[in-house]
């Protein structure tokens, strides 16, 4: 908390005037991440021609732009009771929409995207791997 306060230019006890503990701070960051993600996806679905490809590109771009936040949002149990009400559902809605309203297919699509992103963030692919091609092929499989 001290390091966060230092970066904000405030004293650590000041944070506790707004948030009771570290868990609440993490939940606030996750909520903000979901809200930002939802806004990005909603814009993508309004403007994109190939919604599935556009959503995949947006997902990858978000995670690569915010790797620490992305990991916070996805690598541990989600503290749903501490999140801003409705934010998780709002973030999931575009994925389910692209999956034709099928929540199970939406989960499978999210699992593919998450797997690709986390492997990329963790530098698990060979340096000569064509990740753009892998994304295209993976998303094409969901269009069938």
Protein backbone atom coordinates (compact mmCIF):
# COMPACT_ATOMS: atom_id res chain seq x y z
CA UNK A 1 0.00 0.00 0.00
CA UNK A 2 2.93 2.30 0.68
CA UNK A 3 4.28 1.90 -2.83
CA UNK A 4 0.87 2.68 -4.31
CA UNK A 5 0.53 5.73 -2.10
CA UNK A 6 4.02 6.88 -3.09
CA UNK A 7 3.11 6.63 -6.78
CA UNK A 8 -0.06 8.61 -6.15
CA UNK A 9 1.82 11.21 -4.14
CA UNK A 10 -0.17 10.58 -0.97
CA UNK A 11 0.45 8.90 2.36
CA UNK A 12 -0.53 5.23 2.72
CA UNK A 13 -3.11 5.87 5.49
CA UNK A 14 -5.01 8.11 3.05
CA UNK A 15 -5.85 5.06 0.93
CA UNK A 16 -7.67 3.53 3.88
CA UNK A 17 -10.03 6.51 3.99
CA UNK A 18 -11.45 5.21 0.69
CA UNK A 19 -10.82 1.48 0.79
CA UNK A 20 -10.76 -0.72 3.91
CA UNK A 21 -7.98 -3.09 2.82
CA UNK A 22 -5.83 -4.48 0.02
CA UNK A 23 -8.57 -6.88 -1.10
CA UNK A 24 -10.96 -3.96 -1.61
CA UNK A 25 -8.30 -2.11 -3.58
CA UNK A 26 -7.76 -5.12 -5.83
CA UNK A 27 -11.52 -5.50 -6.32
CA UNK A 28 -11.78 -1.82 -7.29
CA UNK A 29 -8.97 -2.27 -9.83
CA UNK A 30 -10.63 -5.40 -11.22
CA UNK A 31 -13.98 -3.59 -11.46
CA UNK A 32 -12.34 -0.72 -13.32
CA UNK A 33 -10.59 -3.22 -15.61
CA UNK A 34 -13.89 -4.95 -16.42
CA UNK A 35 -15.54 -1.61 -17.10
CA UNK A 36 -12.73 -0.53 -19.42
CA UNK A 37 -12.83 -3.90 -21.17
CA UNK A 38 -16.62 -3.69 -21.58
CA UNK A 39 -16.38 -0.19 -23.10
CA UNK A 40 -13.73 -1.36 -25.53
CA UNK A 41 -15.80 -4.38 -26.57
CA UNK A 42 -19.01 -2.44 -26.90
CA UNK A 43 -17.25 0.04 -29.21
CA UNK A 44 -15.70 -2.84 -31.16
CA UNK A 45 -19.09 -4.47 -31.71
CA UNK A 46 -20.61 -1.16 -32.84
CA UNK A 47 -17.81 -0.41 -35.29
CA UNK A 48 -16.39 -3.78 -36.33
CA UNK A 49 -17.37 -5.65 -39.46
CA UNK A 50 -16.14 -9.09 -38.39
CA UNK A 51 -17.27 -8.98 -34.77
CA UNK A 52 -15.49 -12.16 -33.71
CA UNK A 53 -12.13 -11.09 -35.19
CA UNK A 54 -12.56 -7.54 -33.85
CA UNK A 55 -13.37 -8.84 -30.37
CA UNK A 56 -10.35 -11.17 -30.43
CA UNK A 57 -8.11 -8.32 -31.48
CA UNK A 58 -9.54 -6.08 -28.75
CA UNK A 59 -9.05 -8.81 -26.12
CA UNK A 60 -5.44 -9.37 -27.09
CA UNK A 61 -4.72 -5.65 -27.28
CA UNK A 62 -6.27 -4.99 -23.85
CA UNK A 63 -4.25 -7.75 -22.19
CA UNK A 64 -1.01 -6.71 -23.86
CA UNK A 65 -1.57 -3.05 -22.94
CA UNK A 66 -2.41 -3.86 -19.31
CA UNK A 67 -0.60 -7.12 -18.48
CA UNK A 68 -0.52 -6.60 -14.71
CA UNK A 69 -4.19 -5.62 -14.56
CA UNK A 70 -5.10 -8.48 -16.89
CA UNK A 71 -3.37 -10.96 -14.59
CA UNK A 72 -5.07 -9.46 -11.55
CA UNK A 73 -8.43 -9.83 -13.33
CA UNK A 74 -7.92 -13.44 -14.42
CA UNK A 75 -5.39 -15.41 -12.38
CA UNK A 76 -7.08 -15.78 -9.01
CA UNK A 77 -10.56 -16.48 -7.71
CA UNK A 78 -12.74 -13.51 -8.52
CA UNK A 79 -13.95 -11.60 -5.43
CA UNK A 80 -17.44 -11.20 -6.93
CA UNK A 81 -18.98 -9.91 -3.68
CA UNK A 82 -16.56 -6.93 -3.75
CA UNK A 83 -16.93 -5.99 -7.42
CA UNK A 84 -19.01 -3.10 -8.69
CA UNK A 85 -22.50 -4.62 -9.18
CA UNK A 86 -23.11 -5.71 -12.76
CA UNK A 87 -19.58 -5.08 -14.04
CA UNK A 88 -18.69 -8.75 -14.57
CA UNK A 89 -21.91 -9.35 -16.50
CA UNK A 90 -21.31 -6.24 -18.61
CA UNK A 91 -17.80 -7.44 -19.46
CA UNK A 92 -19.07 -10.92 -20.41
CA UNK A 93 -22.03 -9.71 -22.49
CA UNK A 94 -20.08 -8.90 -25.71
CA UNK A 95 -18.38 -12.31 -25.69
CA UNK A 96 -21.72 -14.09 -25.26
CA UNK A 97 -23.26 -11.87 -27.94
CA UNK A 98 -20.52 -12.80 -30.43
CA UNK A 99 -21.12 -16.45 -29.47
CA UNK A 100 -24.69 -16.13 -30.72
CA UNK A 101 -26.11 -15.81 -27.22
CA UNK A 102 -24.74 -19.21 -26.18
CA UNK A 103 -23.06 -18.81 -22.76
CA UNK A 104 -21.25 -22.15 -23.05
CA UNK A 105 -19.77 -21.21 -26.43
CA UNK A 106 -18.91 -17.81 -24.94
CA UNK A 107 -16.99 -19.55 -22.14
CA UNK A 108 -15.13 -21.67 -24.68
CA UNK A 109 -14.28 -18.57 -26.70
CA UNK A 110 -13.05 -16.79 -23.58
CA UNK A 111 -10.95 -19.83 -22.62
CA UNK A 112 -9.31 -19.82 -26.06
CA UNK A 113 -8.60 -16.08 -25.91
CA UNK A 114 -7.32 -16.24 -22.34
CA UNK A 115 -5.08 -19.21 -23.10
CA UNK A 116 -3.55 -17.49 -26.12
CA UNK A 117 -3.05 -14.22 -24.25
CA UNK A 118 -1.56 -15.65 -21.08
CA UNK A 119 0.86 -17.83 -23.06
CA UNK A 120 1.89 -14.77 -25.05
CA UNK A 121 2.28 -12.62 -21.93
CA UNK A 122 4.38 -15.35 -20.32
CA UNK A 123 6.55 -15.58 -23.46
CA UNK A 124 5.75 -19.27 -23.89
CA UNK A 125 5.62 -19.31 -27.69
CA UNK A 126 8.72 -19.71 -29.80
CA UNK A 127 10.14 -16.44 -31.09
CA UNK A 128 9.31 -17.40 -34.68
CA UNK A 129 5.68 -18.39 -33.94
CA UNK A 130 3.11 -16.53 -36.04
CA UNK A 131 0.68 -15.62 -33.27
CA UNK A 132 -1.51 -13.54 -35.57
CA UNK A 133 -2.06 -16.65 -37.70
CA UNK A 134 -2.77 -18.75 -34.61
CA UNK A 135 -5.38 -16.22 -33.47
CA UNK A 136 -7.00 -16.19 -36.91
CA UNK A 137 -7.15 -19.99 -37.07
CA UNK A 138 -8.51 -20.28 -33.55
CA UNK A 139 -11.22 -17.69 -34.12
CA UNK A 140 -12.12 -19.29 -37.48
CA UNK A 141 -12.80 -22.52 -35.61
CA UNK A 142 -15.43 -20.69 -33.54
CA UNK A 143 -17.14 -19.35 -36.69
CA UNK A 144 -17.92 -22.85 -37.94
